[in-house]
Amino acid sequence: MAKLENDLDIYYAVGNANTQRQENEIEAIMKKRNSAGWKLISTSTAIVDTKNQFSNLYLFWEKK
């Protein structure tokens, strides 16, 4: 049976709008992980501060 590795990236974002900078940073994370053999298996978001509209993006990865 193949050994699986799991990992997690947490992307911290301020505000509720996707800016081009945020999109570029997330794209860079995904390209780096994919080139290293990781497969994105799930994503999740969480609002951590509603007053300041601060949220987190969680990227869950798997690698064989």
C-alpha atoms as a PDB file:
ATOM      1  CA  MET A   1       0.000   0.000   0.000  1.00  0.00           C
ATOM      2  CA  ALA A   2       1.332   3.419  -0.965  1.00  0.00           C
ATOM      3  CA  LYS A   3       2.249   5.811   1.784  1.00  0.00           C
ATOM      4  CA  LEU A   4       0.292   9.057   1.623  1.00  0.00           C
ATOM      5  CA  GLU A   5       1.465  12.391   2.967  1.00  0.00           C
ATOM      6  CA  ASN A   6      -0.941  15.162   3.906  1.00  0.00           C
ATOM      7  CA  ASP A   7      -0.243  18.844   4.333  1.00  0.00           C
ATOM      8  CA  LEU A   8      -2.075  22.111   4.828  1.00  0.00           C
ATOM      9  CA  ASP A   9      -1.535  25.668   3.613  1.00  0.00           C
ATOM     10  CA  ILE A  10      -3.313  28.516   5.348  1.00  0.00           C
ATOM     11  CA  TYR A  11      -3.721  31.683   3.304  1.00  0.00           C
ATOM     12  CA  TYR A  12      -4.617  34.721   5.393  1.00  0.00           C
ATOM     13  CA  ALA A  13      -6.668  37.361   3.572  1.00  0.00           C
ATOM     14  CA  VAL A  14      -8.085  40.680   4.666  1.00  0.00           C
ATOM     15  CA  GLY A  15     -11.334  41.888   3.156  1.00  0.00           C
ATOM     16  CA  ASN A  16     -14.029  40.015   1.317  1.00  0.00           C
ATOM     17  CA  ALA A  17     -12.988  40.917  -2.232  1.00  0.00           C
ATOM     18  CA  ASN A  18     -10.519  38.926  -4.293  1.00  0.00           C
ATOM     19  CA  THR A  19      -7.831  41.268  -5.475  1.00  0.00           C
ATOM     20  CA  GLN A  20      -5.443  40.470  -8.293  1.00  0.00           C
ATOM     21  CA  ARG A  21      -2.610  40.282  -5.738  1.00  0.00           C
ATOM     22  CA  GLN A  22      -4.478  37.652  -3.713  1.00  0.00           C
ATOM     23  CA  GLU A  23      -5.284  35.653  -6.839  1.00  0.00           C
ATOM     24  CA  ASN A  24      -1.627  35.765  -7.919  1.00  0.00           C
ATOM     25  CA  GLU A  25      -0.419  34.623  -4.487  1.00  0.00           C
ATOM     26  CA  ILE A  26      -2.867  31.698  -4.390  1.00  0.00           C
ATOM     27  CA  GLU A  27      -1.916  30.743  -7.958  1.00  0.00           C
ATOM     28  CA  ALA A  28       1.776  30.730  -6.977  1.00  0.00           C
ATOM     29  CA  ILE A  29       1.040  28.453  -3.998  1.00  0.00           C
ATOM     30  CA  MET A  30      -0.879  26.036  -6.219  1.00  0.00           C
ATOM     31  CA  LYS A  31       1.789  25.964  -8.949  1.00  0.00           C
ATOM     32  CA  LYS A  32       4.554  25.346  -6.404  1.00  0.00           C
ATOM     33  CA  ARG A  33       2.639  22.497  -4.764  1.00  0.00           C
ATOM     34  CA  ASN A  34       1.581  20.907  -8.072  1.00  0.00           C
ATOM     35  CA  SER A  35       5.143  20.958  -9.417  1.00  0.00           C
ATOM     36  CA  ALA A  36       6.284  19.182  -6.248  1.00  0.00           C
ATOM     37  CA  GLY A  37       3.766  16.373  -6.820  1.00  0.00           C
ATOM     38  CA  TRP A  38       1.043  17.493  -4.408  1.00  0.00           C
ATOM     39  CA  LYS A  39      -2.639  17.109  -5.286  1.00  0.00           C
ATOM     40  CA  LEU A  40      -5.214  19.549  -3.935  1.00  0.00           C
ATOM     41  CA  ILE A  41      -7.899  17.453  -2.247  1.00  0.00           C
ATOM     42  CA  SER A  42     -10.027  20.032  -0.449  1.00  0.00           C
ATOM     43  CA  THR A  43     -10.431  23.703   0.345  1.00  0.00           C
ATOM     44  CA  SER A  44     -12.225  25.506   3.113  1.00  0.00           C
ATOM     45  CA  THR A  45     -12.723  29.097   4.170  1.00  0.00           C
ATOM     46  CA  ALA A  46     -13.421  30.587   7.557  1.00  0.00           C
ATOM     47  CA  ILE A  47     -14.396  34.076   8.610  1.00  0.00           C
ATOM     48  CA  VAL A  48     -12.227  34.788  11.635  1.00  0.00           C
ATOM     49  CA  ASP A  49     -13.107  38.442  12.239  1.00  0.00           C
ATOM     50  CA  THR A  50     -16.433  39.717  10.927  1.00  0.00           C
ATOM     51  CA  LYS A  51     -15.835  43.307  12.055  1.00  0.00           C
ATOM     52  CA  ASN A  52     -12.688  43.652   9.937  1.00  0.00           C
ATOM     53  CA  GLN A  53     -13.784  41.127   7.264  1.00  0.00           C
ATOM     54  CA  PHE A  54     -10.731  38.935   7.892  1.00  0.00           C
ATOM     55  CA  SER A  55     -10.872  35.408   6.509  1.00  0.00           C
ATOM     56  CA  ASN A  56      -8.635  32.390   6.013  1.00  0.00           C
ATOM     57  CA  LEU A  57      -8.402  30.020   3.070  1.00  0.00           C
ATOM     58  CA  TYR A  58      -7.316  26.479   3.918  1.00  0.00           C
ATOM     59  CA  LEU A  59      -5.792  24.310   1.173  1.00  0.00           C
ATOM     60  CA  PHE A  60      -5.538  20.599   1.980  1.00  0.00           C
ATOM     61  CA  TRP A  61      -2.970  18.601   0.000  1.00  0.00           C
ATOM     62  CA  GLU A  62      -2.106  14.941  -0.529  1.00  0.00           C
ATOM     63  CA  LYS A  63       1.022  13.355  -1.986  1.00  0.00           C
ATOM     64  CA  LYS A  64       1.771   9.711  -2.741  1.00  0.00           C
END
